Amino acid sequence: MKPDEIEAVLQTAFNRCEIANCPLTDMQKQILLQIVEQIQGNSHPEVLVQANPLDELTPQELQAFLRYIKAQEEQNLSWKAQLLNDWLRENDSGDVQFIRDRYGLQWLNRIQPYHFNQYSSENTLNLKVGDRIEVCNALWEWVQDDGPCPREWFPCIVIQVDEVQNGNKSCANCIVRFNNGAEYEIQGIYEWNRYNWRWI
């Protein structure tokens, strides 16, 4: 097949996914198109798997970077925008200056929210309205790793995030909307339900 024909087939597939109420995200579409381009260029498919950029950091750099992101998130600031503003203004970025000096803008642009999934115990990134995540069926049904009902993941979009105060304690609740329009409230999104969702 010619590249134009392959792209036309992919566009048809994208449209059919939307008609079936399971549209692909723009990033998913882009990844599929890139894979086709690379295969057309005779690249080996195993090269197409992209590593997590966070794995390139040393353990000390990773901890400093995660602390920086958490501090920015606690102030409701975009960590990436703050870092880019420092670079544009030639300000020192403090403990994360090494990112500009050693890794650069191309490395920073490779980072996506799902890269933080393997560091989920850190609660590094806060959810915001409009974020795309996947939730596990363990939220609404009994699942076991070796049982008759396996864990399944469903894409959805965050439509509301609330901080609930209960005396001295607080927890975050989140409402998500699935591709079929159904909505679901996840209580304790960071606390007791953190392992039942992931970034996509």
Protein backbone atom coordinates (compact mmCIF):
# COMPACT_ATOMS: atom_id res chain seq x y z
CA MET A 1 0.00 0.00 0.00
CA LYS A 2 1.06 3.54 -0.66
CA PRO A 3 1.42 5.98 2.27
CA ASP A 4 -1.67 7.93 1.16
CA GLU A 5 -3.75 4.74 1.08
CA ILE A 6 -2.57 3.71 4.54
CA GLU A 7 -3.38 7.15 5.95
CA ALA A 8 -6.85 6.98 4.38
CA VAL A 9 -7.44 3.56 5.98
CA LEU A 10 -6.34 4.91 9.37
CA GLN A 11 -8.63 7.94 9.04
CA THR A 12 -11.53 5.58 8.30
CA ALA A 13 -10.62 3.57 11.41
CA PHE A 14 -10.50 6.77 13.49
CA ASN A 15 -13.96 7.74 12.23
CA ARG A 16 -15.38 4.29 12.99
CA CYS A 17 -14.00 4.49 16.54
CA GLU A 18 -15.85 7.79 17.02
CA ILE A 19 -19.08 6.32 15.64
CA ALA A 20 -18.72 3.39 18.07
CA ASN A 21 -18.41 5.87 20.98
CA CYS A 22 -14.78 5.01 21.68
CA PRO A 23 -12.84 7.80 19.98
CA LEU A 24 -9.08 7.78 20.04
CA THR A 25 -7.26 10.68 21.62
CA ASP A 26 -5.20 12.96 19.40
CA MET A 27 -2.06 11.47 20.90
CA GLN A 28 -3.20 7.92 20.10
CA LYS A 29 -3.91 8.93 16.51
CA GLN A 30 -0.51 10.59 16.24
CA ILE A 31 1.25 7.48 17.62
CA LEU A 32 -0.49 5.23 15.09
CA LEU A 33 0.40 7.54 12.21
CA GLN A 34 4.03 7.70 13.39
CA ILE A 35 4.25 3.92 13.58
CA VAL A 36 2.99 3.59 10.02
CA GLU A 37 5.51 6.20 8.85
CA GLN A 38 8.34 4.40 10.61
CA ILE A 39 7.31 1.02 9.23
CA GLN A 40 7.15 2.55 5.74
CA GLY A 41 10.70 3.79 6.37
CA ASN A 42 11.75 0.18 7.12
CA SER A 43 12.32 0.83 10.82
CA HIS A 44 12.19 -2.16 13.09
CA PRO A 45 8.95 -2.24 15.16
CA GLU A 46 10.85 -2.88 18.39
CA VAL A 47 12.50 0.54 17.98
CA LEU A 48 9.06 2.15 18.07
CA VAL A 49 8.58 1.54 21.79
CA GLN A 50 9.57 4.77 23.48
CA ALA A 51 11.23 4.65 26.85
CA ASN A 52 10.05 6.69 29.79
CA PRO A 53 12.17 9.89 29.82
CA LEU A 54 12.08 9.87 33.64
CA ASP A 55 14.11 6.65 33.58
CA GLU A 56 17.02 8.61 32.14
CA LEU A 57 17.38 10.62 35.36
CA THR A 58 19.66 9.51 38.17
CA PRO A 59 17.84 8.58 41.40
CA GLN A 60 18.87 11.91 42.96
CA GLU A 61 17.73 13.88 39.91
CA LEU A 62 14.44 12.01 39.82
CA GLN A 63 13.71 12.78 43.47
CA ALA A 64 14.57 16.46 42.98
CA PHE A 65 12.40 16.62 39.88
CA LEU A 66 9.42 14.94 41.58
CA ARG A 67 9.75 17.28 44.59
CA TYR A 68 9.79 20.28 42.24
CA ILE A 69 6.68 19.09 40.39
CA LYS A 70 4.84 18.38 43.64
CA ALA A 71 5.70 21.85 44.99
CA GLN A 72 4.43 23.51 41.80
CA GLU A 73 1.23 21.42 41.82
CA GLU A 74 0.55 22.36 45.45
CA GLN A 75 0.58 26.01 44.37
CA ASN A 76 -1.74 25.21 41.42
CA LEU A 77 1.01 26.12 38.98
CA SER A 78 1.91 24.26 35.82
CA TRP A 79 5.34 22.80 36.54
CA LYS A 80 6.22 22.61 32.86
CA ALA A 81 5.20 26.22 32.16
CA GLN A 82 7.13 27.40 35.22
CA LEU A 83 10.24 25.58 34.10
CA LEU A 84 9.95 26.93 30.55
CA ASN A 85 9.44 30.47 31.89
CA ASP A 86 12.64 30.12 33.92
CA TRP A 87 14.46 29.04 30.79
CA LEU A 88 13.06 31.86 28.64
CA ARG A 89 13.95 34.46 31.27
CA GLU A 90 17.29 32.76 31.93
CA ASN A 91 16.38 32.37 35.61
CA ASP A 92 18.03 29.73 37.73
CA SER A 93 15.63 26.83 38.26
CA GLY A 94 17.18 25.87 41.58
CA ASP A 95 17.31 22.15 42.33
CA VAL A 96 16.11 21.28 38.81
CA GLN A 97 18.55 23.47 36.89
CA PHE A 98 20.21 20.21 35.80
CA ILE A 99 17.26 19.55 33.47
CA ARG A 100 18.10 22.57 31.33
CA ASP A 101 21.86 22.08 31.61
CA ARG A 102 21.97 18.34 31.02
CA TYR A 103 18.76 17.21 29.29
CA GLY A 104 17.26 20.20 27.49
CA LEU A 105 13.96 21.17 25.92
CA GLN A 106 13.61 18.09 23.71
CA TRP A 107 13.77 15.82 26.76
CA LEU A 108 11.23 17.97 28.60
CA ASN A 109 8.82 17.89 25.64
CA ARG A 110 8.88 14.07 25.66
CA ILE A 111 7.35 13.93 29.15
CA GLN A 112 3.66 13.07 29.21
CA PRO A 113 1.41 12.55 32.27
CA TYR A 114 1.35 8.77 31.77
CA HIS A 115 5.13 8.68 32.32
CA PHE A 116 4.40 9.30 35.99
CA ASN A 117 2.28 6.12 36.27
CA GLN A 118 5.22 4.04 37.49
CA TYR A 119 5.85 6.68 40.16
CA SER A 120 2.19 6.74 41.26
CA SER A 121 3.00 6.37 44.94
CA GLU A 122 4.47 9.86 44.74
CA ASN A 123 1.12 11.50 43.77
CA THR A 124 3.26 13.77 41.66
CA LEU A 125 0.63 15.27 39.37
CA ASN A 126 -2.77 16.52 40.46
CA LEU A 127 -5.78 15.85 38.30
CA LYS A 128 -7.41 18.78 36.57
CA VAL A 129 -10.66 19.12 34.66
CA GLY A 130 -10.07 17.92 31.11
CA ASP A 131 -7.33 15.39 31.95
CA ARG A 132 -7.64 12.01 30.27
CA ILE A 133 -7.17 8.98 32.48
CA GLU A 134 -8.06 5.30 32.56
CA VAL A 135 -9.95 3.78 35.47
CA CYS A 136 -10.06 0.15 36.54
CA ASN A 137 -13.23 -1.89 36.89
CA ALA A 138 -12.07 -2.63 40.46
CA LEU A 139 -13.80 0.64 41.39
CA TRP A 140 -17.26 -0.84 40.85
CA GLU A 141 -16.82 -4.62 40.88
CA TRP A 142 -14.86 -7.29 42.69
CA VAL A 143 -11.82 -8.27 40.63
CA GLN A 144 -8.96 -10.61 41.34
CA ASP A 145 -5.73 -11.02 39.42
CA ASP A 146 -6.31 -14.77 39.14
CA GLY A 147 -10.11 -14.78 39.35
CA PRO A 148 -12.92 -14.99 36.80
CA CYS A 149 -13.24 -11.19 36.57
CA PRO A 150 -9.88 -9.73 35.46
CA ARG A 151 -8.85 -6.10 35.82
CA GLU A 152 -9.95 -4.01 32.83
CA TRP A 153 -9.14 -0.37 32.08
CA PHE A 154 -11.58 2.16 30.64
CA PRO A 155 -10.64 5.58 29.19
CA CYS A 156 -12.45 8.62 30.54
CA ILE A 157 -12.09 12.35 31.04
CA VAL A 158 -12.02 14.24 34.34
CA ILE A 159 -14.99 16.61 34.61
CA GLN A 160 -14.76 17.63 38.28
CA VAL A 161 -12.25 17.44 41.14
CA ASP A 162 -13.27 18.36 44.70
CA GLU A 163 -11.30 18.59 47.92
CA VAL A 164 -13.50 17.36 50.79
CA GLN A 165 -12.73 18.48 54.36
CA ASN A 166 -13.65 16.19 57.24
CA GLY A 167 -12.39 17.75 60.45
CA ASN A 168 -8.58 17.81 60.28
CA LYS A 169 -8.46 15.42 57.35
CA SER A 170 -9.17 16.02 53.69
CA CYS A 171 -9.50 13.83 50.65
CA ALA A 172 -10.09 14.42 46.97
CA ASN A 173 -13.06 13.14 45.02
CA CYS A 174 -13.24 13.12 41.25
CA ILE A 175 -16.03 12.75 38.71
CA VAL A 176 -15.13 11.22 35.37
CA ARG A 177 -17.09 10.84 32.15
CA PHE A 178 -16.69 7.75 30.00
CA ASN A 179 -16.80 7.75 26.20
CA ASN A 180 -20.41 6.51 26.28
CA GLY A 181 -21.46 9.57 28.34
CA ALA A 182 -21.83 7.76 31.67
CA GLU A 183 -20.35 9.52 34.69
CA TYR A 184 -18.78 8.03 37.81
CA GLU A 185 -17.57 9.56 41.08
CA ILE A 186 -14.29 8.25 42.45
CA GLN A 187 -13.88 8.97 46.14
CA GLY A 188 -10.41 9.19 47.62
CA ILE A 189 -8.83 9.58 44.19
CA TYR A 190 -5.35 10.13 45.69
CA GLU A 191 -5.85 8.35 48.97
CA TRP A 192 -7.39 4.85 48.83
CA ASN A 193 -8.23 4.67 45.11
CA ARG A 194 -4.89 5.79 43.65
CA TYR A 195 -4.11 2.35 42.24
CA ASN A 196 -7.41 2.17 40.38
CA TRP A 197 -6.59 4.89 37.84
CA ARG A 198 -3.68 5.86 35.63
CA TRP A 199 -2.71 8.56 33.18
CA ILE A 200 -3.06 7.94 29.44
